[in-house]
Amino acid sequence: MTDYALTLYDVAVRGVRGVSLALLPGEIAGVVGPAGAGKTTLLQIAAGCVRPTRGEAWVWGTRITDTTARKFIGYAPDHPSFPQVLRVRELLLYYARLHAALDPERAPLGLVRAALELAGLGAAANLRVSELGHADLQRLALAQAILGGRRVLVLDEFFTNLDAIARRDLRGRIARLAAEGVAVLIAARDPAVLERLAARALVLREGRVVRAGPLPGLLGERVLEVILDAPPPAPPPGFTLTEAGIEAPLNGRTVESALAMCRAHRLAVRASRVRVKSLEEIVLETHDSR
């Protein structure tokens, strides 16, 4: 297990039913699924906040319930809460002193400077928490999670309600941490925010992993969209109705053969295009297949 940064083996507790994963150093894995799928509970197990009733969790070869495991894991929960009256630097210094108490050779001020730089919070270091916008609050959550050089980050709904510029900035910071060997497990309600960050994804439904794998494999399926002049009474075999016409996964078929079926059913094709399936579609498919 020491080869993996984070290992969950058949963990179960209320809301999570027998989930396993192994996260390599420097790997970014996404957890997606609808509300109530068990994403937050799974991340709480991974962060050591919830003890599973079954299964085991390890971080860098140490049981996650061991007190020494805490120095490896940084956790940013959904809706992080910090004392509003403290300044950013004061808040991080409080946490840094806790780290220094465990390792006297680590200077608290040095830990704070490193966390501010990694999270992009240098300009806001002297602001009170109450003065921070949503993006800087997320940066503060990241700074607190990485403080002390944590080697595993567990981030819950980290990109929720962020604008495109803030998402891009924070994606880049997380990617740079991963390039330095930090393993990242991140959950999102909106699967699209993970498509440009995670190397692989786990799709949860009712506490179970229903699909998992590298993103290129999950997103590699091609879909033919056909726009029609008029909706058909029923779609051809293998096609489904859409607002603009019909669509079907190609699954090894050529575009020409799929369009030939449309012509055989005497459909008035106005236009067609091929697109790659999105992670959101995969989540919806697993939800609708119940």
C-alpha atoms as a PDB file:
ATOM      1  CA  MET A   1       0.000   0.000   0.000  1.00  0.00           C
ATOM      2  CA  THR A   2       2.956   2.354   0.429  1.00  0.00           C
ATOM      3  CA  ASP A   3       3.059   2.813  -3.385  1.00  0.00           C
ATOM      4  CA  TYR A   4      -0.266   4.631  -3.193  1.00  0.00           C
ATOM      5  CA  ALA A   5      -0.910   8.045  -1.685  1.00  0.00           C
ATOM      6  CA  LEU A   6      -4.486   7.115  -0.725  1.00  0.00           C
ATOM      7  CA  THR A   7      -6.173   3.702  -0.623  1.00  0.00           C
ATOM      8  CA  LEU A   8      -9.804   2.943   0.160  1.00  0.00           C
ATOM      9  CA  TYR A   9     -10.706  -0.738   0.249  1.00  0.00           C
ATOM     10  CA  ASP A  10     -14.388  -1.733   0.274  1.00  0.00           C
ATOM     11  CA  VAL A  11     -15.310   1.144   2.608  1.00  0.00           C
ATOM     12  CA  ALA A  12     -18.909   1.377   3.739  1.00  0.00           C
ATOM     13  CA  VAL A  13     -20.894   3.563   6.082  1.00  0.00           C
ATOM     14  CA  ARG A  14     -24.356   5.068   5.861  1.00  0.00           C
ATOM     15  CA  GLY A  15     -24.553   6.571   2.365  1.00  0.00           C
ATOM     16  CA  VAL A  16     -21.514   4.710   0.966  1.00  0.00           C
ATOM     17  CA  ARG A  17     -21.643   1.024   0.063  1.00  0.00           C
ATOM     18  CA  GLY A  18     -18.427  -0.828  -0.678  1.00  0.00           C
ATOM     19  CA  VAL A  19     -16.273   1.716  -2.510  1.00  0.00           C
ATOM     20  CA  SER A  20     -12.629   1.029  -3.366  1.00  0.00           C
ATOM     21  CA  LEU A  21     -10.020   3.249  -4.965  1.00  0.00           C
ATOM     22  CA  ALA A  22      -6.242   3.651  -5.053  1.00  0.00           C
ATOM     23  CA  LEU A  23      -4.781   7.074  -5.754  1.00  0.00           C
ATOM     24  CA  LEU A  24      -1.202   7.416  -6.969  1.00  0.00           C
ATOM     25  CA  PRO A  25       1.088  10.308  -6.018  1.00  0.00           C
ATOM     26  CA  GLY A  26       0.451  13.200  -8.392  1.00  0.00           C
ATOM     27  CA  GLU A  27      -2.868  11.776  -9.620  1.00  0.00           C
ATOM     28  CA  ILE A  28      -6.088  13.797  -9.729  1.00  0.00           C
ATOM     29  CA  ALA A  29      -9.286  11.756  -9.477  1.00  0.00           C
ATOM     30  CA  GLY A  30     -12.798  13.176  -9.656  1.00  0.00           C
ATOM     31  CA  VAL A  31     -15.906  11.912  -7.896  1.00  0.00           C
ATOM     32  CA  VAL A  32     -19.178  12.816  -9.615  1.00  0.00           C
ATOM     33  CA  GLY A  33     -22.816  11.956  -9.184  1.00  0.00           C
ATOM     34  CA  PRO A  34     -26.191  13.512  -8.355  1.00  0.00           C
ATOM     35  CA  ALA A  35     -27.090  14.961  -4.968  1.00  0.00           C
ATOM     36  CA  GLY A  36     -27.326  12.178  -2.397  1.00  0.00           C
ATOM     37  CA  ALA A  37     -25.000   9.849  -4.307  1.00  0.00           C
ATOM     38  CA  GLY A  38     -22.550   9.684  -1.391  1.00  0.00           C
ATOM     39  CA  LYS A  39     -19.795  11.999  -2.690  1.00  0.00           C
ATOM     40  CA  THR A  40     -19.357  14.040   0.505  1.00  0.00           C
ATOM     41  CA  THR A  41     -19.464  10.985   2.767  1.00  0.00           C
ATOM     42  CA  LEU A  42     -16.845   9.248   0.636  1.00  0.00           C
ATOM     43  CA  LEU A  43     -14.569  12.278   0.850  1.00  0.00           C
ATOM     44  CA  GLN A  44     -15.077  12.490   4.605  1.00  0.00           C
ATOM     45  CA  ILE A  45     -13.901   8.873   4.869  1.00  0.00           C
ATOM     46  CA  ALA A  46     -10.888   9.698   2.700  1.00  0.00           C
ATOM     47  CA  ALA A  47     -10.078  12.706   4.896  1.00  0.00           C
ATOM     48  CA  GLY A  48     -10.346  10.678   8.108  1.00  0.00           C
ATOM     49  CA  CYS A  49     -13.381  12.621   9.352  1.00  0.00           C
ATOM     50  CA  VAL A  50     -15.754   9.635   9.177  1.00  0.00           C
ATOM     51  CA  ARG A  51     -14.770   6.143  10.276  1.00  0.00           C
ATOM     52  CA  PRO A  52     -16.162   3.452   7.957  1.00  0.00           C
ATOM     53  CA  THR A  53     -18.177   0.643   9.492  1.00  0.00           C
ATOM     54  CA  ARG A  54     -16.572  -1.726   6.981  1.00  0.00           C
ATOM     55  CA  GLY A  55     -13.391  -1.688   4.974  1.00  0.00           C
ATOM     56  CA  GLU A  56     -10.087   0.109   5.411  1.00  0.00           C
ATOM     57  CA  ALA A  57      -8.589   3.473   4.487  1.00  0.00           C
ATOM     58  CA  TRP A  58      -4.853   4.138   4.217  1.00  0.00           C
ATOM     59  CA  VAL A  59      -2.737   7.187   3.432  1.00  0.00           C
ATOM     60  CA  TRP A  60       0.896   6.638   2.438  1.00  0.00           C
ATOM     61  CA  GLY A  61       0.834   3.195   4.042  1.00  0.00           C
ATOM     62  CA  THR A  62      -0.609   4.449   7.350  1.00  0.00           C
ATOM     63  CA  ARG A  63      -4.128   3.681   8.539  1.00  0.00           C
ATOM     64  CA  ILE A  64      -6.137   6.825   8.150  1.00  0.00           C
ATOM     65  CA  THR A  65      -7.370   6.536  11.742  1.00  0.00           C
ATOM     66  CA  ASP A  66      -3.789   6.806  13.021  1.00  0.00           C
ATOM     67  CA  THR A  67      -2.945  10.272  14.365  1.00  0.00           C
ATOM     68  CA  THR A  68       0.255  10.342  12.277  1.00  0.00           C
ATOM     69  CA  ALA A  69      -1.871  10.178   9.108  1.00  0.00           C
ATOM     70  CA  ARG A  70      -3.160  13.705   9.746  1.00  0.00           C
ATOM     71  CA  LYS A  71       0.080  15.285   8.614  1.00  0.00           C
ATOM     72  CA  PHE A  72      -0.422  13.825   5.133  1.00  0.00           C
ATOM     73  CA  ILE A  73      -4.044  14.828   4.415  1.00  0.00           C
ATOM     74  CA  GLY A  74      -5.522  18.254   3.726  1.00  0.00           C
ATOM     75  CA  TYR A  75      -9.313  18.578   3.563  1.00  0.00           C
ATOM     76  CA  ALA A  76     -11.391  21.424   2.150  1.00  0.00           C
ATOM     77  CA  PRO A  77     -15.075  20.690   2.858  1.00  0.00           C
ATOM     78  CA  ASP A  78     -18.072  22.020   0.981  1.00  0.00           C
ATOM     79  CA  HIS A  79     -18.971  25.448   2.458  1.00  0.00           C
ATOM     80  CA  PRO A  80     -15.792  25.918   4.558  1.00  0.00           C
ATOM     81  CA  SER A  81     -16.299  28.072   7.647  1.00  0.00           C
ATOM     82  CA  PHE A  82     -13.647  30.333   9.169  1.00  0.00           C
ATOM     83  CA  PRO A  83     -13.756  32.952  11.983  1.00  0.00           C
ATOM     84  CA  GLN A  84     -14.876  36.127  10.231  1.00  0.00           C
ATOM     85  CA  VAL A  85     -12.958  38.603  12.403  1.00  0.00           C
ATOM     86  CA  LEU A  86      -9.510  37.093  11.817  1.00  0.00           C
ATOM     87  CA  ARG A  87      -7.239  38.263   9.037  1.00  0.00           C
ATOM     88  CA  VAL A  88      -6.126  35.691   6.474  1.00  0.00           C
ATOM     89  CA  ARG A  89      -2.540  35.688   7.712  1.00  0.00           C
ATOM     90  CA  GLU A  90      -3.670  35.373  11.369  1.00  0.00           C
ATOM     91  CA  LEU A  91      -5.922  32.437  10.562  1.00  0.00           C
ATOM     92  CA  LEU A  92      -3.231  30.545   8.683  1.00  0.00           C
ATOM     93  CA  LEU A  93      -0.709  31.322  11.410  1.00  0.00           C
ATOM     94  CA  TYR A  94      -3.026  29.687  13.956  1.00  0.00           C
ATOM     95  CA  TYR A  95      -3.086  26.477  11.899  1.00  0.00           C
ATOM     96  CA  ALA A  96       0.650  26.721  11.194  1.00  0.00           C
ATOM     97  CA  ARG A  97       1.431  26.778  14.908  1.00  0.00           C
ATOM     98  CA  LEU A  98      -0.460  23.504  15.287  1.00  0.00           C
ATOM     99  CA  HIS A  99       1.773  22.014  12.578  1.00  0.00           C
ATOM    100  CA  ALA A 100       4.899  23.412  14.225  1.00  0.00           C
ATOM    101  CA  ALA A 101       3.882  21.885  17.558  1.00  0.00           C
ATOM    102  CA  LEU A 102       4.135  18.456  15.918  1.00  0.00           C
ATOM    103  CA  ASP A 103       7.418  19.324  14.205  1.00  0.00           C
ATOM    104  CA  PRO A 104       9.452  22.030  16.014  1.00  0.00           C
ATOM    105  CA  GLU A 105      11.837  22.360  13.066  1.00  0.00           C
ATOM    106  CA  ARG A 106       9.068  23.882  10.936  1.00  0.00           C
ATOM    107  CA  ALA A 107       8.736  27.665  11.353  1.00  0.00           C
ATOM    108  CA  PRO A 108       5.064  28.794  11.394  1.00  0.00           C
ATOM    109  CA  LEU A 109       5.731  31.956   9.379  1.00  0.00           C
ATOM    110  CA  GLY A 110       7.474  29.936   6.665  1.00  0.00           C
ATOM    111  CA  LEU A 111       4.508  27.570   6.426  1.00  0.00           C
ATOM    112  CA  VAL A 112       2.132  30.529   6.078  1.00  0.00           C
ATOM    113  CA  ARG A 113       4.211  32.185   3.346  1.00  0.00           C
ATOM    114  CA  ALA A 114       4.315  28.945   1.352  1.00  0.00           C
ATOM    115  CA  ALA A 115       0.557  28.382   1.691  1.00  0.00           C
ATOM    116  CA  LEU A 116      -0.258  31.976   0.654  1.00  0.00           C
ATOM    117  CA  GLU A 117       1.892  31.634  -2.438  1.00  0.00           C
ATOM    118  CA  LEU A 118       0.551  28.233  -3.474  1.00  0.00           C
ATOM    119  CA  ALA A 119      -3.076  29.356  -3.060  1.00  0.00           C
ATOM    120  CA  GLY A 120      -2.601  32.771  -4.693  1.00  0.00           C
ATOM    121  CA  LEU A 121      -3.663  34.673  -1.568  1.00  0.00           C
ATOM    122  CA  GLY A 122      -0.684  37.004  -1.142  1.00  0.00           C
ATOM    123  CA  ALA A 123      -2.670  40.137  -2.029  1.00  0.00           C
ATOM    124  CA  ALA A 124      -5.421  39.242   0.459  1.00  0.00           C
ATOM    125  CA  ALA A 125      -3.157  38.196   3.348  1.00  0.00           C
ATOM    126  CA  ASN A 126      -4.064  41.227   5.497  1.00  0.00           C
ATOM    127  CA  LEU A 127      -7.794  41.196   4.786  1.00  0.00           C
ATOM    128  CA  ARG A 128     -10.298  39.911   7.310  1.00  0.00           C
ATOM    129  CA  VAL A 129     -12.118  36.736   6.355  1.00  0.00           C
ATOM    130  CA  SER A 130     -15.379  38.722   6.300  1.00  0.00           C
ATOM    131  CA  GLU A 131     -13.938  40.878   3.487  1.00  0.00           C
ATOM    132  CA  LEU A 132     -13.119  38.006   1.146  1.00  0.00           C
ATOM    133  CA  GLY A 133     -15.097  37.233  -1.974  1.00  0.00           C
ATOM    134  CA  HIS A 134     -16.163  33.686  -2.792  1.00  0.00           C
ATOM    135  CA  ALA A 135     -13.103  32.948  -4.942  1.00  0.00           C
ATOM    136  CA  ASP A 136     -10.695  34.082  -2.225  1.00  0.00           C
ATOM    137  CA  LEU A 137     -12.603  32.039   0.358  1.00  0.00           C
ATOM    138  CA  GLN A 138     -11.929  28.990  -1.810  1.00  0.00           C
ATOM    139  CA  ARG A 139      -8.280  30.003  -2.060  1.00  0.00           C
ATOM    140  CA  LEU A 140      -8.209  30.256   1.737  1.00  0.00           C
ATOM    141  CA  ALA A 141      -9.696  26.760   1.995  1.00  0.00           C
ATOM    142  CA  LEU A 142      -6.976  25.522  -0.366  1.00  0.00           C
ATOM    143  CA  ALA A 143      -4.271  27.326   1.635  1.00  0.00           C
ATOM    144  CA  GLN A 144      -5.492  25.750   4.864  1.00  0.00           C
ATOM    145  CA  ALA A 145      -5.657  22.310   3.243  1.00  0.00           C
ATOM    146  CA  ILE A 146      -2.119  22.422   1.812  1.00  0.00           C
ATOM    147  CA  LEU A 147      -0.552  24.098   4.845  1.00  0.00           C
ATOM    148  CA  GLY A 148       2.442  22.151   6.073  1.00  0.00           C
ATOM    149  CA  GLY A 149       3.101  20.420   2.759  1.00  0.00           C
ATOM    150  CA  ARG A 150       0.205  17.928   2.812  1.00  0.00           C
ATOM    151  CA  ARG A 151       0.672  15.201   0.210  1.00  0.00           C
ATOM    152  CA  VAL A 152      -2.996  14.269  -0.252  1.00  0.00           C
ATOM    153  CA  LEU A 153      -5.730  16.847  -0.878  1.00  0.00           C
ATOM    154  CA  VAL A 154      -9.423  16.034  -0.478  1.00  0.00           C
ATOM    155  CA  LEU A 155     -11.566  18.804  -1.972  1.00  0.00           C
ATOM    156  CA  ASP A 156     -15.377  18.767  -1.783  1.00  0.00           C
ATOM    157  CA  GLU A 157     -17.366  20.838  -4.314  1.00  0.00           C
ATOM    158  CA  PHE A 158     -14.352  23.081  -4.687  1.00  0.00           C
ATOM    159  CA  PHE A 159     -15.421  24.823  -7.898  1.00  0.00           C
ATOM    160  CA  THR A 160     -19.080  25.476  -7.031  1.00  0.00           C
ATOM    161  CA  ASN A 161     -20.288  29.013  -7.862  1.00  0.00           C
ATOM    162  CA  LEU A 162     -16.905  30.169  -9.162  1.00  0.00           C
ATOM    163  CA  ASP A 163     -16.651  32.218 -12.337  1.00  0.00           C
ATOM    164  CA  ALA A 164     -14.618  30.992 -15.307  1.00  0.00           C
ATOM    165  CA  ILE A 165     -11.509  33.042 -14.443  1.00  0.00           C
ATOM    166  CA  ALA A 166     -11.409  31.838 -10.833  1.00  0.00           C
ATOM    167  CA  ARG A 167     -11.983  28.222 -11.955  1.00  0.00           C
ATOM    168  CA  ARG A 168      -9.110  28.451 -14.424  1.00  0.00           C
ATOM    169  CA  ASP A 169      -6.774  29.929 -11.803  1.00  0.00           C
ATOM    170  CA  LEU A 170      -7.594  27.312  -9.179  1.00  0.00           C
ATOM    171  CA  ARG A 171      -7.448  24.462 -11.708  1.00  0.00           C
ATOM    172  CA  GLY A 172      -3.951  25.594 -12.591  1.00  0.00           C
ATOM    173  CA  ARG A 173      -2.871  25.727  -8.939  1.00  0.00           C
ATOM    174  CA  ILE A 174      -4.215  22.246  -8.239  1.00  0.00           C
ATOM    175  CA  ALA A 175      -2.558  20.912 -11.396  1.00  0.00           C
ATOM    176  CA  ARG A 176       0.790  22.394 -10.298  1.00  0.00           C
ATOM    177  CA  LEU A 177       0.465  20.760  -6.882  1.00  0.00           C
ATOM    178  CA  ALA A 178      -0.236  17.424  -8.595  1.00  0.00           C
ATOM    179  CA  ALA A 179       2.834  17.917 -10.798  1.00  0.00           C
ATOM    180  CA  GLU A 180       4.841  18.106  -7.561  1.00  0.00           C
ATOM    181  CA  GLY A 181       3.479  14.743  -6.418  1.00  0.00           C
ATOM    182  CA  VAL A 182       0.398  15.771  -4.426  1.00  0.00           C
ATOM    183  CA  ALA A 183      -2.520  13.351  -4.887  1.00  0.00           C
ATOM    184  CA  VAL A 184      -5.928  15.017  -5.244  1.00  0.00           C
ATOM    185  CA  LEU A 185      -9.415  13.575  -4.747  1.00  0.00           C
ATOM    186  CA  ILE A 186     -12.072  16.106  -5.725  1.00  0.00           C
ATOM    187  CA  ALA A 187     -15.870  15.902  -5.842  1.00  0.00           C
ATOM    188  CA  ALA A 188     -18.201  18.022  -7.969  1.00  0.00           C
ATOM    189  CA  ARG A 189     -21.921  18.269  -8.612  1.00  0.00           C
ATOM    190  CA  ASP A 190     -21.122  19.698 -12.053  1.00  0.00           C
ATOM    191  CA  PRO A 191     -19.049  17.082 -13.899  1.00  0.00           C
ATOM    192  CA  ALA A 192     -17.954  19.594 -16.547  1.00  0.00           C
ATOM    193  CA  VAL A 193     -15.598  21.368 -14.126  1.00  0.00           C
ATOM    194  CA  LEU A 194     -13.509  18.197 -13.778  1.00  0.00           C
ATOM    195  CA  GLU A 195     -13.120  17.351 -17.461  1.00  0.00           C
ATOM    196  CA  ARG A 196     -10.064  19.614 -17.839  1.00  0.00           C
ATOM    197  CA  LEU A 197      -8.467  18.628 -14.530  1.00  0.00           C
ATOM    198  CA  ALA A 198      -9.023  15.027 -13.432  1.00  0.00           C
ATOM    199  CA  ALA A 199      -7.157  12.113 -14.999  1.00  0.00           C
ATOM    200  CA  ARG A 200      -9.929   9.673 -14.090  1.00  0.00           C
ATOM    201  CA  ALA A 201     -13.391   9.737 -12.598  1.00  0.00           C
ATOM    202  CA  LEU A 202     -15.646   7.676 -10.361  1.00  0.00           C
ATOM    203  CA  VAL A 203     -19.383   7.991 -10.977  1.00  0.00           C
ATOM    204  CA  LEU A 204     -21.415   7.366  -7.817  1.00  0.00           C
ATOM    205  CA  ARG A 205     -25.064   6.416  -7.561  1.00  0.00           C
ATOM    206  CA  GLU A 206     -26.734   5.593  -4.255  1.00  0.00           C
ATOM    207  CA  GLY A 207     -23.380   5.097  -2.550  1.00  0.00           C
ATOM    208  CA  ARG A 208     -21.878   2.749  -5.137  1.00  0.00           C
ATOM    209  CA  VAL A 209     -19.392   3.240  -7.968  1.00  0.00           C
ATOM    210  CA  VAL A 210     -21.354   2.532 -11.146  1.00  0.00           C
ATOM    211  CA  ARG A 211     -18.718   3.633 -13.646  1.00  0.00           C
ATOM    212  CA  ALA A 212     -15.019   4.400 -13.283  1.00  0.00           C
ATOM    213  CA  GLY A 213     -11.960   4.783 -15.418  1.00  0.00           C
ATOM    214  CA  PRO A 214      -9.563   7.199 -17.103  1.00  0.00           C
ATOM    215  CA  LEU A 215     -11.376  10.212 -18.548  1.00  0.00           C
ATOM    216  CA  PRO A 216     -10.119   9.658 -22.115  1.00  0.00           C
ATOM    217  CA  GLY A 217     -11.770   6.232 -22.044  1.00  0.00           C
ATOM    218  CA  LEU A 218     -14.999   7.445 -20.459  1.00  0.00           C
ATOM    219  CA  LEU A 219     -15.266  10.416 -22.808  1.00  0.00           C
ATOM    220  CA  GLY A 220     -14.017   8.678 -25.934  1.00  0.00           C
ATOM    221  CA  GLU A 221     -17.442   7.586 -27.174  1.00  0.00           C
ATOM    222  CA  ARG A 222     -18.635   9.467 -30.257  1.00  0.00           C
ATOM    223  CA  VAL A 223     -22.265  10.479 -30.717  1.00  0.00           C
ATOM    224  CA  LEU A 224     -23.964  11.367 -33.997  1.00  0.00           C
ATOM    225  CA  GLU A 225     -26.460  14.227 -33.732  1.00  0.00           C
ATOM    226  CA  VAL A 226     -28.981  14.553 -36.564  1.00  0.00           C
ATOM    227  CA  ILE A 227     -31.099  17.701 -36.993  1.00  0.00           C
ATOM    228  CA  LEU A 228     -34.397  17.012 -38.730  1.00  0.00           C
ATOM    229  CA  ASP A 229     -36.918  19.250 -40.474  1.00  0.00           C
ATOM    230  CA  ALA A 230     -39.706  17.467 -38.615  1.00  0.00           C
ATOM    231  CA  PRO A 231     -39.672  15.076 -35.647  1.00  0.00           C
ATOM    232  CA  PRO A 232     -40.312  11.431 -36.559  1.00  0.00           C
ATOM    233  CA  PRO A 233     -43.169   9.479 -34.950  1.00  0.00           C
ATOM    234  CA  ALA A 234     -40.511   7.117 -33.601  1.00  0.00           C
ATOM    235  CA  PRO A 235     -36.701   7.129 -33.858  1.00  0.00           C
ATOM    236  CA  PRO A 236     -34.873   4.514 -35.924  1.00  0.00           C
ATOM    237  CA  PRO A 237     -33.356   1.573 -33.993  1.00  0.00           C
ATOM    238  CA  GLY A 238     -30.446   2.715 -31.842  1.00  0.00           C
ATOM    239  CA  PHE A 239     -31.451   6.395 -31.992  1.00  0.00           C
ATOM    240  CA  THR A 240     -33.156   8.516 -29.346  1.00  0.00           C
ATOM    241  CA  LEU A 241     -35.257  11.640 -29.770  1.00  0.00           C
ATOM    242  CA  THR A 242     -33.782  15.063 -28.987  1.00  0.00           C
ATOM    243  CA  GLU A 243     -35.197  18.587 -29.099  1.00  0.00           C
ATOM    244  CA  ALA A 244     -33.682  19.148 -32.542  1.00  0.00           C
ATOM    245  CA  GLY A 245     -34.052  15.650 -33.990  1.00  0.00           C
ATOM    246  CA  ILE A 246     -32.368  12.356 -33.072  1.00  0.00           C
ATOM    247  CA  GLU A 247     -28.982  11.083 -31.893  1.00  0.00           C
ATOM    248  CA  ALA A 248     -27.158   7.795 -31.446  1.00  0.00           C
ATOM    249  CA  PRO A 249     -23.786   6.563 -30.160  1.00  0.00           C
ATOM    250  CA  LEU A 250     -21.678   5.373 -33.081  1.00  0.00           C
ATOM    251  CA  ASN A 251     -20.149   2.446 -31.151  1.00  0.00           C
ATOM    252  CA  GLY A 252     -17.905   1.431 -34.040  1.00  0.00           C
ATOM    253  CA  ARG A 253     -20.382   2.306 -36.784  1.00  0.00           C
ATOM    254  CA  THR A 254     -19.434   4.828 -39.444  1.00  0.00           C
ATOM    255  CA  VAL A 255     -21.283   8.105 -39.797  1.00  0.00           C
ATOM    256  CA  GLU A 256     -22.304   7.098 -43.307  1.00  0.00           C
ATOM    257  CA  SER A 257     -23.999   3.885 -42.151  1.00  0.00           C
ATOM    258  CA  ALA A 258     -25.877   5.724 -39.388  1.00  0.00           C
ATOM    259  CA  LEU A 259     -27.081   8.381 -41.835  1.00  0.00           C
ATOM    260  CA  ALA A 260     -28.043   5.639 -44.303  1.00  0.00           C
ATOM    261  CA  MET A 261     -30.451   4.310 -41.669  1.00  0.00           C
ATOM    262  CA  CYS A 262     -31.983   7.771 -41.413  1.00  0.00           C
ATOM    263  CA  ARG A 263     -32.484   7.837 -45.176  1.00  0.00           C
ATOM    264  CA  ALA A 264     -33.964   4.336 -45.086  1.00  0.00           C
ATOM    265  CA  HIS A 265     -36.570   5.655 -42.631  1.00  0.00           C
ATOM    266  CA  ARG A 266     -37.234   8.589 -44.995  1.00  0.00           C
ATOM    267  CA  LEU A 267     -36.237  11.229 -42.453  1.00  0.00           C
ATOM    268  CA  ALA A 268     -35.691  14.792 -43.688  1.00  0.00           C
ATOM    269  CA  VAL A 269     -32.119  15.388 -42.488  1.00  0.00           C
ATOM    270  CA  ARG A 270     -31.180  19.064 -42.328  1.00  0.00           C
ATOM    271  CA  ALA A 271     -27.714  18.691 -40.796  1.00  0.00           C
ATOM    272  CA  SER A 272     -25.583  16.345 -38.728  1.00  0.00           C
ATOM    273  CA  ARG A 273     -22.484  16.462 -36.554  1.00  0.00           C
ATOM    274  CA  VAL A 274     -20.356  14.144 -34.442  1.00  0.00           C
ATOM    275  CA  ARG A 275     -19.476  15.104 -30.890  1.00  0.00           C
ATOM    276  CA  VAL A 276     -17.694  13.419 -27.993  1.00  0.00           C
ATOM    277  CA  LYS A 277     -19.815  12.356 -25.049  1.00  0.00           C
ATOM    278  CA  SER A 278     -19.450  14.570 -21.967  1.00  0.00           C
ATOM    279  CA  LEU A 279     -18.951  13.471 -18.371  1.00  0.00           C
ATOM    280  CA  GLU A 280     -22.321  15.022 -17.552  1.00  0.00           C
ATOM    281  CA  GLU A 281     -23.998  12.695 -20.063  1.00  0.00           C
ATOM    282  CA  ILE A 282     -22.316   9.693 -18.463  1.00  0.00           C
ATOM    283  CA  VAL A 283     -23.644  10.744 -15.057  1.00  0.00           C
ATOM    284  CA  LEU A 284     -27.153  11.193 -16.490  1.00  0.00           C
ATOM    285  CA  GLU A 285     -27.007   7.805 -18.213  1.00  0.00           C
ATOM    286  CA  THR A 286     -26.102   6.023 -14.987  1.00  0.00           C
ATOM    287  CA  HIS A 287     -28.918   7.867 -13.214  1.00  0.00           C
ATOM    288  CA  ASP A 288     -31.508   7.097 -15.896  1.00  0.00           C
ATOM    289  CA  SER A 289     -30.519   3.430 -16.163  1.00  0.00           C
ATOM    290  CA  ARG A 290     -31.991   2.579 -12.743  1.00  0.00           C
END
